[in-house]
């Protein structure tokens, strides 16, 4: 039987200056009088005669032989030279469907599937030869070199079998079956399942569960980054892309899939030419010569693809909404089973539902089902690392606490001791406003424990009213520190800077095409970075009425849209709006206090003179901050002095003084301003004189000035 080793020698005899390639080896085999009968017996049952084979192999013989990749040098290196030709050479041919030579042979009648069946009956392909075939396929096919065969991966079981998106799959197939504009672009938020939908389509093709049009279809995902890699000179990228498109045109059963499709816009463009990947692609799409699926976020679609009408009109948009309800639960439950089968870690029945509710609650800016599945995957990895046998709800909460910095394990418990402890910690830091703190905590406790976590509402919305310097802003800062774990979880927005309606872009970013549209805005950036926290809108009475109207959506259902149309969620956030329209005189003359509903009605009546009813009606609580008494101011001075002395102690500075005398002195020096005045008095009458005296290097004993 003819072996590769014998064939190699004959090829070298006929082509002494050429590398041993697939074309030269087949040509030598077909022309040799002692060997060609064996080749005829293998190929004729597959629809190809030797005359046609010789004609194809002889085409541009000299030029073609130089361009072929020397695949048999790899065969020699891998010890295959002694193998029969039929079990090696033709196997290589049959497993390279997109090689130019194979395409020519198939065009003239070769049935690759029949050839594989005949070869399998002779001898299955060896594992070591499969490696050579894969290497050859990558080097010989542009599609295989720059992409991956999703249909082939689906046949090997690489994708999930029961991804429950059948309705969306039917819509995708319907678009691709159109005679005009039969290309689809799947849009949706990151993590909504766009790529998974294409993988589901590939699996449906691999199992034959598709219309007859797509029974023999193949989906190739092509990576633009691979095509751009190593392109140093002008024209290299265009050459690669053109070769890819020519190959797609020659194989109408191949469907091109491009993830992050917006990258087509500008890919390969240089300062010398406006030609990019999208412009090269347009003629092929316009003539219907290729079929394509793209995937990108809704924002990037409108920013790049929709702006190019010539490109955008070639595609039918398939919006993919984040799943909810039963569909979301089925997705996460299915992935829990998949994780269990891959890792061996048990996942209790309540964990998928817990993953959904917890991520909805604490990761509102990310999309389902990605965030719930990612949490399950992290928990399973944690269980494997620690040796645990099962993923539990407590494990999910611990991981979320690490991710968000929020003490979830404490706040999620029903026990009243932890919540009461939180209130007492706040009261130790905020003097004189215990009733205001109680009202805030009452709302937060209720929302934490008894509301539907999937509900589109904030954790609490409050209007803090009262004179300046009584602790309205300070309470927001303390809530960020004690409730969310860090003062970095506070977004302080001074509405005195938003006196014009156009300034709303500072919060939510500009619309596409306008100056500064690349900046997300303060509110959007904060929510993307932290997910949740305290959002404090200070001195709302100074803001433009349009800014107050913008706040209505946030206060009502915890939703707002950025300038780019992206939906922001403040669910899980504490929203605080402060106002100073109630002055010290109002509190005294109107008799406001905390005795009951009568005082609240008086305050509401006064606030209605400044704000419309629809604005005031959006808050969970209207909270009045009372003026600070002398006892309150004394306690605040004590607290701030302790903080100042602690900082001095860190620098090894000891100060001796009579505390009561110092407190009395500072109390006398207060010039109004409430708690802010306390800090100014300590700096002016204690810290600054101390710093000046320390510069002299002499021992300093503080005494109150006369």
Foldseek 3Di string as FASTA:
>chain_A
DDFQLVLVVQLCVVCVPFADALLSSVLSQCPDPVRNVVVQVLFVVQFDHSVLSNVLSCVVPVVVRRPGDRLVVVCVVLPRRGPHCLQASVVLLLLQCLFPSNLSRVVNGGHSVVSQVVNVVVPHHDPSSVVSSLVNNLVRHLLSVFWDWLLVCLLVVVADACLPPVVLLVVLLVLCPDPALSAAEEAAAPAQCPVNSVSNVSNCLNVVVHPPLQVVAIEIEGELVSLLPPPPDQPSSVVSLVSNLVSQLSPQSYEYEYEQVLVQCPDSDDPVDNDTNLNSCLVCLNVVSHYYYYYHYPLSCVQGVVVPVSRVVSYDYRYRYRDDDPSLLVNQVSLQVVLCVVQVAAEDPCLLVLLVLVCVQFQVVHTPPRSSSVLSNVQSVVCVVVVHRYRDSVSSQVVSCVVQVFPCVLLLDLDVVSLVVLLVVLCLVQFDFSVLSVVQSVQLNCLSHPDRSNAQAASFEEEEEEAFARQQVVSQQSCQCRGRNHSLLEAEAEQLVAADLVCCCQAQNAARPDPGNVDGHDPRVSCVVNVEGEYEYEACLNHHVNVLVQCLVCLARQWHAGNSRDIGGHHNYYYYYYHHPCYLVNCVVVVADVPDDVNVVVVVVSCCVRDPPSSVVSGPYYDYRHADDLVRLLSLLVVVVVVVVVVCVVVVDDADDDVVVVSVLLSVVQPDRHSVSSVVSCVPQPVVVVVVVVVVVDDDHDDGDD
